[in-house]
C-alpha atoms as a PDB file:
ATOM      1  CA  MET A   1     -57.279  37.289  82.444  1.00  0.00           C
ATOM      2  CA  PRO A   2     -55.030  39.363  84.691  1.00  0.00           C
ATOM      3  CA  SER A   3     -53.717  41.583  81.887  1.00  0.00           C
ATOM      4  CA  LEU A   4     -54.737  42.952  78.512  1.00  0.00           C
ATOM      5  CA  ASP A   5     -51.702  41.230  76.969  1.00  0.00           C
ATOM      6  CA  ASP A   6     -52.902  37.856  78.261  1.00  0.00           C
ATOM      7  CA  GLU A   7     -56.438  38.464  77.052  1.00  0.00           C
ATOM      8  CA  SER A   8     -55.286  39.671  73.638  1.00  0.00           C
ATOM      9  CA  TYR A   9     -52.978  36.694  73.182  1.00  0.00           C
ATOM     10  CA  LEU A  10     -55.759  34.243  74.026  1.00  0.00           C
ATOM     11  CA  ASP A  11     -58.208  36.126  71.822  1.00  0.00           C
ATOM     12  CA  PHE A  12     -55.766  35.541  68.958  1.00  0.00           C
ATOM     13  CA  VAL A  13     -55.533  31.834  69.854  1.00  0.00           C
ATOM     14  CA  GLU A  14     -59.330  31.595  69.927  1.00  0.00           C
ATOM     15  CA  GLY A  15     -59.538  33.259  66.509  1.00  0.00           C
ATOM     16  CA  LEU A  16     -56.922  30.931  65.051  1.00  0.00           C
ATOM     17  CA  ARG A  17     -58.757  27.926  66.457  1.00  0.00           C
ATOM     18  CA  LYS A  18     -62.002  29.286  64.997  1.00  0.00           C
ATOM     19  CA  PHE A  19     -60.345  29.623  61.582  1.00  0.00           C
ATOM     20  CA  THR A  20     -59.006  26.083  61.860  1.00  0.00           C
ATOM     21  CA  LEU A  21     -62.333  24.499  62.771  1.00  0.00           C
ATOM     22  CA  ARG A  22     -64.652  26.579  60.599  1.00  0.00           C
ATOM     23  CA  GLN A  23     -62.512  27.101  57.502  1.00  0.00           C
ATOM     24  CA  LEU A  24     -59.870  24.368  57.312  1.00  0.00           C
ATOM     25  CA  ASN A  25     -61.884  21.577  58.902  1.00  0.00           C
ATOM     26  CA  PRO A  26     -64.556  21.233  56.181  1.00  0.00           C
ATOM     27  CA  ARG A  27     -61.914  21.488  53.456  1.00  0.00           C
ATOM     28  CA  ALA A  28     -59.814  18.805  55.132  1.00  0.00           C
ATOM     29  CA  ALA A  29     -62.861  16.548  55.436  1.00  0.00           C
ATOM     30  CA  THR A  30     -63.702  16.982  51.746  1.00  0.00           C
ATOM     31  CA  ALA A  31     -60.110  16.252  50.719  1.00  0.00           C
ATOM     32  CA  LEU A  32     -59.877  13.053  52.792  1.00  0.00           C
ATOM     33  CA  ARG A  33     -63.237  11.730  51.605  1.00  0.00           C
ATOM     34  CA  ALA A  34     -62.155  12.331  48.003  1.00  0.00           C
ATOM     35  CA  ALA A  35     -58.873  10.498  48.609  1.00  0.00           C
ATOM     36  CA  VAL A  36     -60.670   7.507  50.152  1.00  0.00           C
ATOM     37  CA  GLY A  37     -63.315   7.427  47.433  1.00  0.00           C
ATOM     38  CA  ASP A  38     -65.621   4.426  47.493  1.00  0.00           C
ATOM     39  CA  HIS A  39     -63.306   2.239  49.549  1.00  0.00           C
ATOM     40  CA  PRO A  40     -64.959   1.014  52.762  1.00  0.00           C
ATOM     41  CA  VAL A  41     -63.585   2.383  56.035  1.00  0.00           C
ATOM     42  CA  ALA A  42     -62.986   0.142  59.046  1.00  0.00           C
ATOM     43  CA  THR A  43     -62.432   1.150  62.671  1.00  0.00           C
ATOM     44  CA  ASP A  44     -59.905  -1.444  63.865  1.00  0.00           C
ATOM     45  CA  ARG A  45     -56.478  -0.165  64.916  1.00  0.00           C
ATOM     46  CA  GLN A  46     -54.617  -1.269  61.766  1.00  0.00           C
ATOM     47  CA  SER A  47     -57.227   0.307  59.454  1.00  0.00           C
ATOM     48  CA  ARG A  48     -57.137   3.525  61.485  1.00  0.00           C
ATOM     49  CA  ALA A  49     -53.354   3.654  61.137  1.00  0.00           C
ATOM     50  CA  GLN A  50     -53.616   3.230  57.369  1.00  0.00           C
ATOM     51  CA  LEU A  51     -56.266   5.946  57.182  1.00  0.00           C
ATOM     52  CA  ALA A  52     -54.105   8.283  59.268  1.00  0.00           C
ATOM     53  CA  ASP A  53     -51.116   7.653  57.011  1.00  0.00           C
ATOM     54  CA  LEU A  54     -53.208   8.636  53.999  1.00  0.00           C
ATOM     55  CA  ALA A  55     -54.739  11.679  55.729  1.00  0.00           C
ATOM     56  CA  GLU A  56     -51.479  13.108  57.011  1.00  0.00           C
ATOM     57  CA  ARG A  57     -50.053  13.222  53.470  1.00  0.00           C
ATOM     58  CA  ILE A  58     -52.885  15.577  52.377  1.00  0.00           C
ATOM     59  CA  PRO A  59     -51.604  19.151  52.889  1.00  0.00           C
ATOM     60  CA  VAL A  60     -54.849  20.696  54.117  1.00  0.00           C
ATOM     61  CA  VAL A  61     -55.360  17.863  56.620  1.00  0.00           C
ATOM     62  CA  ALA A  62     -51.781  18.197  57.868  1.00  0.00           C
ATOM     63  CA  ALA A  63     -52.237  21.960  58.233  1.00  0.00           C
ATOM     64  CA  ARG A  64     -55.463  21.512  60.193  1.00  0.00           C
ATOM     65  CA  ASP A  65     -53.898  18.941  62.490  1.00  0.00           C
ATOM     66  CA  SER A  66     -50.856  21.100  63.147  1.00  0.00           C
ATOM     67  CA  LEU A  67     -52.962  24.144  63.988  1.00  0.00           C
ATOM     68  CA  LEU A  68     -55.223  22.176  66.332  1.00  0.00           C
ATOM     69  CA  ARG A  69     -52.240  20.813  68.249  1.00  0.00           C
ATOM     70  CA  THR A  70     -50.470  24.165  68.293  1.00  0.00           C
ATOM     71  CA  THR A  71     -53.417  26.289  69.409  1.00  0.00           C
ATOM     72  CA  GLN A  72     -54.300  23.827  72.169  1.00  0.00           C
ATOM     73  CA  GLY A  73     -50.758  24.070  73.514  1.00  0.00           C
ATOM     74  CA  MET A  74     -50.706  27.872  73.206  1.00  0.00           C
ATOM     75  CA  ASN A  75     -54.006  28.076  75.053  1.00  0.00           C
ATOM     76  CA  TRP A  76     -53.000  26.046  78.103  1.00  0.00           C
ATOM     77  CA  ARG A  77     -49.513  27.561  78.370  1.00  0.00           C
ATOM     78  CA  ARG A  78     -50.757  31.136  78.417  1.00  0.00           C
ATOM     79  CA  VAL A  79     -53.646  30.492  80.806  1.00  0.00           C
ATOM     80  CA  THR A  80     -51.439  28.714  83.344  1.00  0.00           C
ATOM     81  CA  GLN A  81     -48.683  31.335  83.038  1.00  0.00           C
ATOM     82  CA  ALA A  82     -51.164  34.177  83.491  1.00  0.00           C
ATOM     83  CA  TYR A  83     -52.677  32.788  86.690  1.00  0.00           C
ATOM     84  CA  GLU A  84     -49.491  31.524  88.344  1.00  0.00           C
ATOM     85  CA  PRO A  85     -48.357  34.881  89.874  1.00  0.00           C
ATOM     86  CA  TYR A  86     -51.762  35.167  91.574  1.00  0.00           C
ATOM     87  CA  ARG A  87     -51.892  31.590  92.854  1.00  0.00           C
ATOM     88  CA  ASP A  88     -52.197  32.359  96.582  1.00  0.00           C
ATOM     89  CA  GLU A  89     -55.005  34.883  96.278  1.00  0.00           C
ATOM     90  CA  LEU A  90     -56.917  32.769  93.748  1.00  0.00           C
ATOM     91  CA  ILE A  91     -56.760  29.758  96.077  1.00  0.00           C
ATOM     92  CA  ALA A  92     -57.870  31.926  99.004  1.00  0.00           C
ATOM     93  CA  ASP A  93     -60.829  33.097  96.928  1.00  0.00           C
ATOM     94  CA  ILE A  94     -62.095  29.579  96.193  1.00  0.00           C
ATOM     95  CA  ASP A  95     -61.602  28.499  99.802  1.00  0.00           C
ATOM     96  CA  GLY A  96     -64.072  31.090 101.095  1.00  0.00           C
ATOM     97  CA  PRO A  97     -66.446  30.431 104.008  1.00  0.00           C
ATOM     98  CA  ASP A  98     -67.712  26.931 104.802  1.00  0.00           C
ATOM     99  CA  ASP A  99     -71.397  27.051 103.926  1.00  0.00           C
ATOM    100  CA  GLY A 100     -71.917  23.290 103.824  1.00  0.00           C
ATOM    101  CA  ARG A 101     -72.313  23.347 100.041  1.00  0.00           C
ATOM    102  CA  LEU A 102     -68.923  21.805  99.241  1.00  0.00           C
ATOM    103  CA  ILE A 103     -68.258  18.227 100.324  1.00  0.00           C
ATOM    104  CA  LEU A 104     -64.721  16.971  99.744  1.00  0.00           C
ATOM    105  CA  ASP A 105     -63.194  13.735 100.951  1.00  0.00           C
ATOM    106  CA  PRO A 106     -59.567  14.090 102.175  1.00  0.00           C
ATOM    107  CA  ASP A 107     -59.136  10.323 101.760  1.00  0.00           C
ATOM    108  CA  PHE A 108     -60.666  10.202  98.275  1.00  0.00           C
ATOM    109  CA  VAL A 109     -58.702   8.026  95.843  1.00  0.00           C
ATOM    110  CA  THR A 110     -59.046   8.906  92.175  1.00  0.00           C
ATOM    111  CA  PRO A 111     -59.300   5.962  89.755  1.00  0.00           C
ATOM    112  CA  ASP A 112     -56.151   4.828  87.979  1.00  0.00           C
ATOM    113  CA  TYR A 113     -57.597   5.638  84.552  1.00  0.00           C
ATOM    114  CA  TYR A 114     -58.145   9.226  85.703  1.00  0.00           C
ATOM    115  CA  ASP A 115     -54.681   9.681  87.190  1.00  0.00           C
ATOM    116  CA  GLU A 116     -52.983   8.477  84.018  1.00  0.00           C
ATOM    117  CA  VAL A 117     -54.316  11.196  81.679  1.00  0.00           C
ATOM    118  CA  GLU A 118     -53.989  14.975  81.364  1.00  0.00           C
ATOM    119  CA  PHE A 119     -57.382  15.290  79.701  1.00  0.00           C
ATOM    120  CA  HIS A 120     -57.463  17.663  76.726  1.00  0.00           C
ATOM    121  CA  ARG A 121     -53.768  18.280  77.516  1.00  0.00           C
ATOM    122  CA  GLN A 122     -54.652  20.544  80.437  1.00  0.00           C
ATOM    123  CA  PRO A 123     -51.485  20.718  82.585  1.00  0.00           C
ATOM    124  CA  GLY A 124     -52.026  18.692  85.741  1.00  0.00           C
ATOM    125  CA  SER A 125     -55.346  17.521  84.323  1.00  0.00           C
ATOM    126  CA  TYR A 126     -58.491  18.480  86.216  1.00  0.00           C
ATOM    127  CA  HIS A 127     -57.301  17.368  89.639  1.00  0.00           C
ATOM    128  CA  GLY A 128     -53.524  17.725  89.831  1.00  0.00           C
ATOM    129  CA  ASP A 129     -53.286  21.484  90.430  1.00  0.00           C
ATOM    130  CA  GLU A 130     -55.258  23.603  92.890  1.00  0.00           C
ATOM    131  CA  LEU A 131     -55.823  26.145  90.109  1.00  0.00           C
ATOM    132  CA  GLY A 132     -57.300  23.457  87.877  1.00  0.00           C
ATOM    133  CA  GLY A 133     -60.747  25.056  87.988  1.00  0.00           C
ATOM    134  CA  HIS A 134     -59.497  28.495  86.994  1.00  0.00           C
ATOM    135  CA  VAL A 135     -57.415  27.056  84.160  1.00  0.00           C
ATOM    136  CA  TYR A 136     -60.261  24.834  82.977  1.00  0.00           C
ATOM    137  CA  HIS A 137     -62.742  27.717  82.902  1.00  0.00           C
ATOM    138  CA  TYR A 138     -60.696  30.078  80.747  1.00  0.00           C
ATOM    139  CA  GLY A 139     -59.144  27.276  78.723  1.00  0.00           C
ATOM    140  CA  THR A 140     -62.551  25.938  77.741  1.00  0.00           C
ATOM    141  CA  LYS A 141     -63.684  29.474  76.895  1.00  0.00           C
ATOM    142  CA  VAL A 142     -61.066  29.383  74.136  1.00  0.00           C
ATOM    143  CA  PHE A 143     -61.821  25.749  73.319  1.00  0.00           C
ATOM    144  CA  HIS A 144     -65.518  26.552  72.730  1.00  0.00           C
ATOM    145  CA  LEU A 145     -64.629  29.540  70.523  1.00  0.00           C
ATOM    146  CA  GLY A 146     -66.399  31.982  72.824  1.00  0.00           C
ATOM    147  CA  ALA A 147     -69.776  30.261  72.420  1.00  0.00           C
ATOM    148  CA  ASN A 148     -70.076  29.719  76.187  1.00  0.00           C
ATOM    149  CA  ASP A 149     -68.631  32.974  77.503  1.00  0.00           C
ATOM    150  CA  LEU A 150     -71.815  33.751  79.446  1.00  0.00           C
ATOM    151  CA  ASP A 151     -72.625  30.085  80.126  1.00  0.00           C
ATOM    152  CA  GLU A 152     -75.174  30.290  77.312  1.00  0.00           C
ATOM    153  CA  ALA A 153     -74.280  26.908  75.810  1.00  0.00           C
ATOM    154  CA  LYS A 154     -74.408  25.154  79.186  1.00  0.00           C
ATOM    155  CA  ILE A 155     -77.600  26.929  80.236  1.00  0.00           C
ATOM    156  CA  ALA A 156     -79.177  25.775  76.973  1.00  0.00           C
ATOM    157  CA  ARG A 157     -78.247  22.194  77.876  1.00  0.00           C
ATOM    158  CA  ALA A 158     -79.915  22.560  81.271  1.00  0.00           C
ATOM    159  CA  ASP A 159     -83.034  24.065  79.712  1.00  0.00           C
ATOM    160  CA  GLU A 160     -83.319  21.224  77.179  1.00  0.00           C
ATOM    161  CA  VAL A 161     -83.655  18.542  79.864  1.00  0.00           C
ATOM    162  CA  PRO A 162     -87.315  17.477  80.014  1.00  0.00           C
ATOM    163  CA  GLU A 163     -89.192  17.148  83.274  1.00  0.00           C
ATOM    164  CA  PRO A 164     -90.702  13.869  84.452  1.00  0.00           C
ATOM    165  CA  GLU A 165     -94.218  13.389  83.148  1.00  0.00           C
ATOM    166  CA  ASP A 166     -95.663  13.957  86.630  1.00  0.00           C
ATOM    167  CA  GLY A 167     -93.890  17.341  86.827  1.00  0.00           C
ATOM    168  CA  GLN A 168     -92.199  16.499  90.136  1.00  0.00           C
ATOM    169  CA  VAL A 169     -88.638  17.858  90.317  1.00  0.00           C
ATOM    170  CA  ALA A 170     -87.467  17.883  93.928  1.00  0.00           C
ATOM    171  CA  ARG A 171     -83.898  16.560  93.485  1.00  0.00           C
ATOM    172  CA  VAL A 172     -81.537  16.948  90.519  1.00  0.00           C
ATOM    173  CA  LEU A 173     -78.119  15.353  89.999  1.00  0.00           C
ATOM    174  CA  ASP A 174     -75.423  16.507  87.554  1.00  0.00           C
ATOM    175  CA  ILE A 175     -72.829  13.738  87.179  1.00  0.00           C
ATOM    176  CA  GLY A 176     -69.360  14.860  86.080  1.00  0.00           C
ATOM    177  CA  CYS A 177     -70.314  18.477  86.712  1.00  0.00           C
ATOM    178  CA  SER A 178     -66.773  19.963  86.389  1.00  0.00           C
ATOM    179  CA  ILE A 179     -67.146  23.664  87.417  1.00  0.00           C
ATOM    180  CA  GLY A 180     -70.925  23.456  87.612  1.00  0.00           C
ATOM    181  CA  GLN A 181     -72.101  25.499  84.649  1.00  0.00           C
ATOM    182  CA  VAL A 182     -74.941  23.110  83.791  1.00  0.00           C
ATOM    183  CA  THR A 183     -75.501  22.516  87.509  1.00  0.00           C
ATOM    184  CA  CYS A 184     -76.116  26.213  88.123  1.00  0.00           C
ATOM    185  CA  GLY A 185     -78.396  26.202  85.094  1.00  0.00           C
ATOM    186  CA  PHE A 186     -80.473  23.515  86.822  1.00  0.00           C
ATOM    187  CA  ALA A 187     -80.618  25.597  90.012  1.00  0.00           C
ATOM    188  CA  ASP A 188     -81.912  28.576  88.045  1.00  0.00           C
ATOM    189  CA  ARG A 189     -84.455  26.458  86.225  1.00  0.00           C
ATOM    190  CA  TRP A 190     -85.741  24.611  89.304  1.00  0.00           C
ATOM    191  CA  PRO A 191     -85.098  27.032  92.207  1.00  0.00           C
ATOM    192  CA  GLU A 192     -87.131  24.947  94.663  1.00  0.00           C
ATOM    193  CA  ALA A 193     -85.208  21.745  93.918  1.00  0.00           C
ATOM    194  CA  GLU A 194     -82.225  20.300  95.768  1.00  0.00           C
ATOM    195  CA  VAL A 195     -79.493  20.370  93.121  1.00  0.00           C
ATOM    196  CA  TRP A 196     -76.270  18.350  93.356  1.00  0.00           C
ATOM    197  CA  GLY A 197     -73.151  18.447  91.197  1.00  0.00           C
ATOM    198  CA  VAL A 198     -70.616  15.630  91.583  1.00  0.00           C
ATOM    199  CA  ASP A 199     -67.164  15.142  90.139  1.00  0.00           C
ATOM    200  CA  LEU A 200     -63.840  13.433  90.864  1.00  0.00           C
ATOM    201  CA  ALA A 201     -61.716  16.597  90.733  1.00  0.00           C
ATOM    202  CA  ALA A 202     -61.536  18.658  93.923  1.00  0.00           C
ATOM    203  CA  PRO A 203     -60.092  21.761  92.165  1.00  0.00           C
ATOM    204  CA  LEU A 204     -63.037  21.879  89.764  1.00  0.00           C
ATOM    205  CA  LEU A 205     -65.518  21.431  92.602  1.00  0.00           C
ATOM    206  CA  ARG A 206     -63.875  24.126  94.747  1.00  0.00           C
ATOM    207  CA  TYR A 207     -63.912  26.570  91.858  1.00  0.00           C
ATOM    208  CA  GLY A 208     -67.473  25.620  90.910  1.00  0.00           C
ATOM    209  CA  HIS A 209     -68.657  26.100  94.478  1.00  0.00           C
ATOM    210  CA  ALA A 210     -67.071  29.560  94.744  1.00  0.00           C
ATOM    211  CA  ARG A 211     -68.520  30.522  91.378  1.00  0.00           C
ATOM    212  CA  ALA A 212     -72.011  29.280  92.292  1.00  0.00           C
ATOM    213  CA  ARG A 213     -71.825  31.334  95.478  1.00  0.00           C
ATOM    214  CA  ARG A 214     -71.016  34.471  93.460  1.00  0.00           C
ATOM    215  CA  LEU A 215     -73.866  33.687  91.059  1.00  0.00           C
ATOM    216  CA  GLY A 216     -76.314  33.084  93.902  1.00  0.00           C
ATOM    217  CA  ALA A 217     -76.977  29.528  92.697  1.00  0.00           C
ATOM    218  CA  ASP A 218     -78.141  27.143  95.429  1.00  0.00           C
ATOM    219  CA  VAL A 219     -76.099  24.050  94.564  1.00  0.00           C
ATOM    220  CA  THR A 220     -74.292  21.415  96.604  1.00  0.00           C
ATOM    221  CA  PHE A 221     -71.034  20.085  95.143  1.00  0.00           C
ATOM    222  CA  ALA A 222     -69.552  16.759  96.259  1.00  0.00           C
ATOM    223  CA  GLN A 223     -66.546  14.628  95.406  1.00  0.00           C
ATOM    224  CA  VAL A 224     -68.166  11.384  94.267  1.00  0.00           C
ATOM    225  CA  ASP A 225     -67.141   8.582  91.916  1.00  0.00           C
ATOM    226  CA  ALA A 226     -69.633   8.370  89.028  1.00  0.00           C
ATOM    227  CA  ARG A 227     -69.104   4.605  88.851  1.00  0.00           C
ATOM    228  CA  THR A 228     -70.785   4.072  92.226  1.00  0.00           C
ATOM    229  CA  LEU A 229     -72.560   7.299  93.282  1.00  0.00           C
ATOM    230  CA  ASP A 230     -72.240   5.727  96.722  1.00  0.00           C
ATOM    231  CA  ARG A 231     -73.276   8.909  98.543  1.00  0.00           C
ATOM    232  CA  PHE A 232     -76.812   8.579  97.226  1.00  0.00           C
ATOM    233  CA  GLU A 233     -79.648   6.165  97.952  1.00  0.00           C
ATOM    234  CA  ASP A 234     -81.568   4.167  95.368  1.00  0.00           C
ATOM    235  CA  GLU A 235     -84.330   6.005  93.477  1.00  0.00           C
ATOM    236  CA  SER A 236     -83.511   9.311  95.182  1.00  0.00           C
ATOM    237  CA  PHE A 237     -83.448  11.740  92.210  1.00  0.00           C
ATOM    238  CA  ASP A 238     -86.115  12.985  89.842  1.00  0.00           C
ATOM    239  CA  VAL A 239     -83.707  14.196  87.162  1.00  0.00           C
ATOM    240  CA  VAL A 240     -80.184  12.879  86.479  1.00  0.00           C
ATOM    241  CA  TYR A 241     -77.876  14.397  83.865  1.00  0.00           C
ATOM    242  CA  MET A 242     -74.544  13.141  82.526  1.00  0.00           C
ATOM    243  CA  GLY A 243     -72.870  15.466  80.041  1.00  0.00           C
ATOM    244  CA  THR A 244     -69.727  14.659  78.013  1.00  0.00           C
ATOM    245  CA  LEU A 245     -68.425  12.318  80.676  1.00  0.00           C
ATOM    246  CA  LEU A 246     -68.563   8.777  79.284  1.00  0.00           C
ATOM    247  CA  HIS A 247     -66.041   9.420  76.497  1.00  0.00           C
ATOM    248  CA  GLU A 248     -63.492  10.231  79.227  1.00  0.00           C
ATOM    249  CA  MET A 249     -63.838   6.813  80.849  1.00  0.00           C
ATOM    250  CA  PRO A 250     -62.859   3.282  79.797  1.00  0.00           C
ATOM    251  CA  LEU A 251     -65.874   1.386  78.471  1.00  0.00           C
ATOM    252  CA  ASP A 252     -66.400  -0.871  81.484  1.00  0.00           C
ATOM    253  CA  ASP A 253     -66.157   2.100  83.872  1.00  0.00           C
ATOM    254  CA  GLY A 254     -68.623   4.008  81.727  1.00  0.00           C
ATOM    255  CA  ARG A 255     -71.102   1.148  81.856  1.00  0.00           C
ATOM    256  CA  ARG A 256     -70.772   1.112  85.637  1.00  0.00           C
ATOM    257  CA  ALA A 257     -71.528   4.838  85.670  1.00  0.00           C
ATOM    258  CA  LEU A 258     -74.639   4.305  83.535  1.00  0.00           C
ATOM    259  CA  ALA A 259     -75.822   1.588  85.926  1.00  0.00           C
ATOM    260  CA  ALA A 260     -75.191   3.839  88.946  1.00  0.00           C
ATOM    261  CA  ALA A 261     -77.192   6.647  87.341  1.00  0.00           C
ATOM    262  CA  ARG A 262     -80.052   4.228  86.731  1.00  0.00           C
ATOM    263  CA  ARG A 263     -79.921   3.097  90.351  1.00  0.00           C
ATOM    264  CA  VAL A 264     -80.382   6.584  91.825  1.00  0.00           C
ATOM    265  CA  LEU A 265     -83.175   7.604  89.409  1.00  0.00           C
ATOM    266  CA  ARG A 266     -86.709   7.180  90.750  1.00  0.00           C
ATOM    267  CA  PRO A 267     -89.456   5.443  88.809  1.00  0.00           C
ATOM    268  CA  GLY A 268     -90.895   7.979  86.392  1.00  0.00           C
ATOM    269  CA  GLY A 269     -87.723  10.066  86.565  1.00  0.00           C
ATOM    270  CA  VAL A 270     -85.691  11.345  83.608  1.00  0.00           C
ATOM    271  CA  PHE A 271     -82.066  10.577  82.799  1.00  0.00           C
ATOM    272  CA  VAL A 272     -80.355  12.589  80.059  1.00  0.00           C
ATOM    273  CA  LEU A 273     -77.058  11.504  78.559  1.00  0.00           C
ATOM    274  CA  HIS A 274     -75.245  13.978  76.328  1.00  0.00           C
ATOM    275  CA  ASP A 275     -71.979  13.062  74.641  1.00  0.00           C
ATOM    276  CA  MET A 276     -69.987  12.738  71.435  1.00  0.00           C
ATOM    277  CA  LEU A 277     -71.737  12.230  68.106  1.00  0.00           C
ATOM    278  CA  GLN A 278     -72.393   8.584  67.348  1.00  0.00           C
ATOM    279  CA  PRO A 279     -71.080   7.054  64.098  1.00  0.00           C
ATOM    280  CA  SER A 280     -72.844   6.635  60.804  1.00  0.00           C
ATOM    281  CA  ASP A 281     -73.287   3.261  59.131  1.00  0.00           C
ATOM    282  CA  PRO A 282     -71.161   2.641  57.131  1.00  0.00           C
ATOM    283  CA  PRO A 283     -68.456   4.632  58.933  1.00  0.00           C
ATOM    284  CA  ASP A 284     -67.510   7.973  57.395  1.00  0.00           C
ATOM    285  CA  ALA A 285     -63.797   8.349  56.584  1.00  0.00           C
ATOM    286  CA  TRP A 286     -63.465  11.838  58.041  1.00  0.00           C
ATOM    287  CA  ALA A 287     -65.416  10.990  61.205  1.00  0.00           C
ATOM    288  CA  VAL A 288     -63.175   7.973  61.840  1.00  0.00           C
ATOM    289  CA  TYR A 289     -59.989   9.925  61.200  1.00  0.00           C
ATOM    290  CA  ASP A 290     -61.049  13.000  63.178  1.00  0.00           C
ATOM    291  CA  ARG A 291     -62.103  11.011  66.242  1.00  0.00           C
ATOM    292  CA  GLY A 292     -58.893   9.015  66.044  1.00  0.00           C
ATOM    293  CA  PHE A 293     -56.857  12.216  65.838  1.00  0.00           C
ATOM    294  CA  ASP A 294     -58.601  13.614  68.919  1.00  0.00           C
ATOM    295  CA  THR A 295     -58.029  10.367  70.785  1.00  0.00           C
ATOM    296  CA  ASP A 296     -54.352  10.126  69.874  1.00  0.00           C
ATOM    297  CA  HIS A 297     -53.294  13.786  70.002  1.00  0.00           C
ATOM    298  CA  ASN A 298     -55.625  15.589  72.421  1.00  0.00           C
ATOM    299  CA  ARG A 299     -55.361  13.247  75.413  1.00  0.00           C
ATOM    300  CA  GLU A 300     -58.741  11.629  74.814  1.00  0.00           C
ATOM    301  CA  PRO A 301     -57.571   8.009  75.106  1.00  0.00           C
ATOM    302  CA  TYR A 302     -61.039   6.550  75.642  1.00  0.00           C
ATOM    303  CA  ALA A 303     -62.991   8.655  73.151  1.00  0.00           C
ATOM    304  CA  PHE A 304     -62.655   6.494  70.037  1.00  0.00           C
ATOM    305  CA  ASP A 305     -63.677   3.317  71.816  1.00  0.00           C
ATOM    306  CA  PHE A 306     -66.655   5.111  73.357  1.00  0.00           C
ATOM    307  CA  VAL A 307     -67.958   6.420  70.047  1.00  0.00           C
ATOM    308  CA  TYR A 308     -67.642   3.039  68.313  1.00  0.00           C
ATOM    309  CA  SER A 309     -68.909   0.949  71.243  1.00  0.00           C
ATOM    310  CA  ASN A 310     -72.656   1.204  70.529  1.00  0.00           C
ATOM    311  CA  VAL A 311     -73.507   3.064  73.731  1.00  0.00           C
ATOM    312  CA  ASP A 312     -77.048   3.309  72.366  1.00  0.00           C
ATOM    313  CA  ALA A 313     -77.554  -0.389  73.050  1.00  0.00           C
ATOM    314  CA  ASP A 314     -76.178   0.014  76.605  1.00  0.00           C
ATOM    315  CA  VAL A 315     -78.643   2.811  77.329  1.00  0.00           C
ATOM    316  CA  ARG A 316     -81.645   1.004  75.855  1.00  0.00           C
ATOM    317  CA  GLU A 317     -80.879  -2.055  77.948  1.00  0.00           C
ATOM    318  CA  LEU A 318     -81.333   0.037  81.111  1.00  0.00           C
ATOM    319  CA  TYR A 319     -84.450   2.065  80.295  1.00  0.00           C
ATOM    320  CA  PRO A 320     -87.897   1.138  78.960  1.00  0.00           C
ATOM    321  CA  SER A 321     -88.213   4.441  77.074  1.00  0.00           C
ATOM    322  CA  VAL A 322     -85.322   6.074  75.187  1.00  0.00           C
ATOM    323  CA  GLU A 323     -85.325   8.858  72.609  1.00  0.00           C
ATOM    324  CA  SER A 324     -82.135   9.989  70.910  1.00  0.00           C
ATOM    325  CA  ALA A 325     -81.262  12.913  68.676  1.00  0.00           C
ATOM    326  CA  SER A 326     -78.004  13.886  66.973  1.00  0.00           C
ATOM    327  CA  THR A 327     -76.647  17.183  65.670  1.00  0.00           C
ATOM    328  CA  ARG A 328     -72.990  17.912  66.367  1.00  0.00           C
ATOM    329  CA  THR A 329     -73.397  15.708  69.439  1.00  0.00           C
ATOM    330  CA  THR A 330     -75.863  13.019  70.544  1.00  0.00           C
ATOM    331  CA  THR A 331     -78.421  13.264  73.344  1.00  0.00           C
ATOM    332  CA  TRP A 332     -80.385  10.386  74.854  1.00  0.00           C
ATOM    333  CA  ILE A 333     -83.549  11.141  76.834  1.00  0.00           C
ATOM    334  CA  CYS A 334     -84.358   8.166  79.031  1.00  0.00           C
ATOM    335  CA  ARG A 335     -87.442   7.668  81.204  1.00  0.00           C
ATOM    336  CA  ALA A 336     -87.467   5.153  84.039  1.00  0.00           C
END
C-alpha cells in the first residue's frame, strides 16, 4: 500500500474478516443446522429461497452475512482508492520492456458471461481496469486473511501437483492463471520446463508478467480462452493445472474448458483440477446456504450450479485414472 494509513485500514478489514470467518462462521453454521433439524435440504431455487429466509432471521447468521458483505466492500474501495493517484506510474511499471514473455491479443473478445460479472465484487472485474492486477493482488491478500502474503498458499498448490509417472516435465500449462502465483511456483519447481500461464484478463496477465520478471521466474503469459486453448496443439503439455476457475464459468463453458485441457494433455500426462468443495450426500443445510449466499451476494453467479453439478462425473468421463481428495476444497488428480 502507498501509505501507512491505507495499510492499517486494510489490516483492520483483514482482521474483521478473520473474526467473521473464524469466530462467527462456525456459530452461524451450528445455529442454522439446529433450526433446520432433521428436515431434508434440497438445492432447487425455491428450496434455497426458503432456507435463506429461515437463515436470515437467525441473528448470528445475519451478523455474519452483514460483516462479509461489508468487509468485502471496504476492502475493494480502499485498495482502488489507494492506487488511483499512482495510476500512471503503476501502468508504466507493468508495461516494462518487451521480452516476448507476454502475449496479448488486441482483437481479443472476452466471452459474454465474463463481461457481465464483476467477480468477487472487484470494481471493473479482472479485465475492465488497467490496474486490475494490482487491485486483485492486494484485495486477495485481504480475502485470504494473510495466508498467501508470501505466495505460500499458491506455492503449496504448485508443489502438490504430481509428476507424470515417466518423470518427463518439459511443458506445463496453468489455465486461468490470474497474476501467475501458481504459475511462478511451477517455474521454480521445474526450472528446465517451458511454463505457460493463460487467462482472459489482460490486466492480470500484464501484472503477472511484470511480477514474474521481478521474481526471476521464467514464465510465458498469454491471453487465451480456456474453452478452446486454441493457441496450443493437441497432446503438447506434460502437466496441466486448472485452479478455482470452473466455478466462475457457466456449466457448459466449464465442460468445454475441461475438454480443451484434455485435448492439450499428452498421453501419460497429469491434469490437476482444484476448485470449490463438493457437496455431501444428503446436502448439508449450512453448505447449501453458504454457497448460495456467496453466489447471490459476492458476484459468484455460477458457483452454486458448479458445486451441485456433479463435476466429478464430468472429470471421470474424460480420464481413465482419477483420484480426488477434499478438505476445505476439492482436488482431482487425473492421468491421461
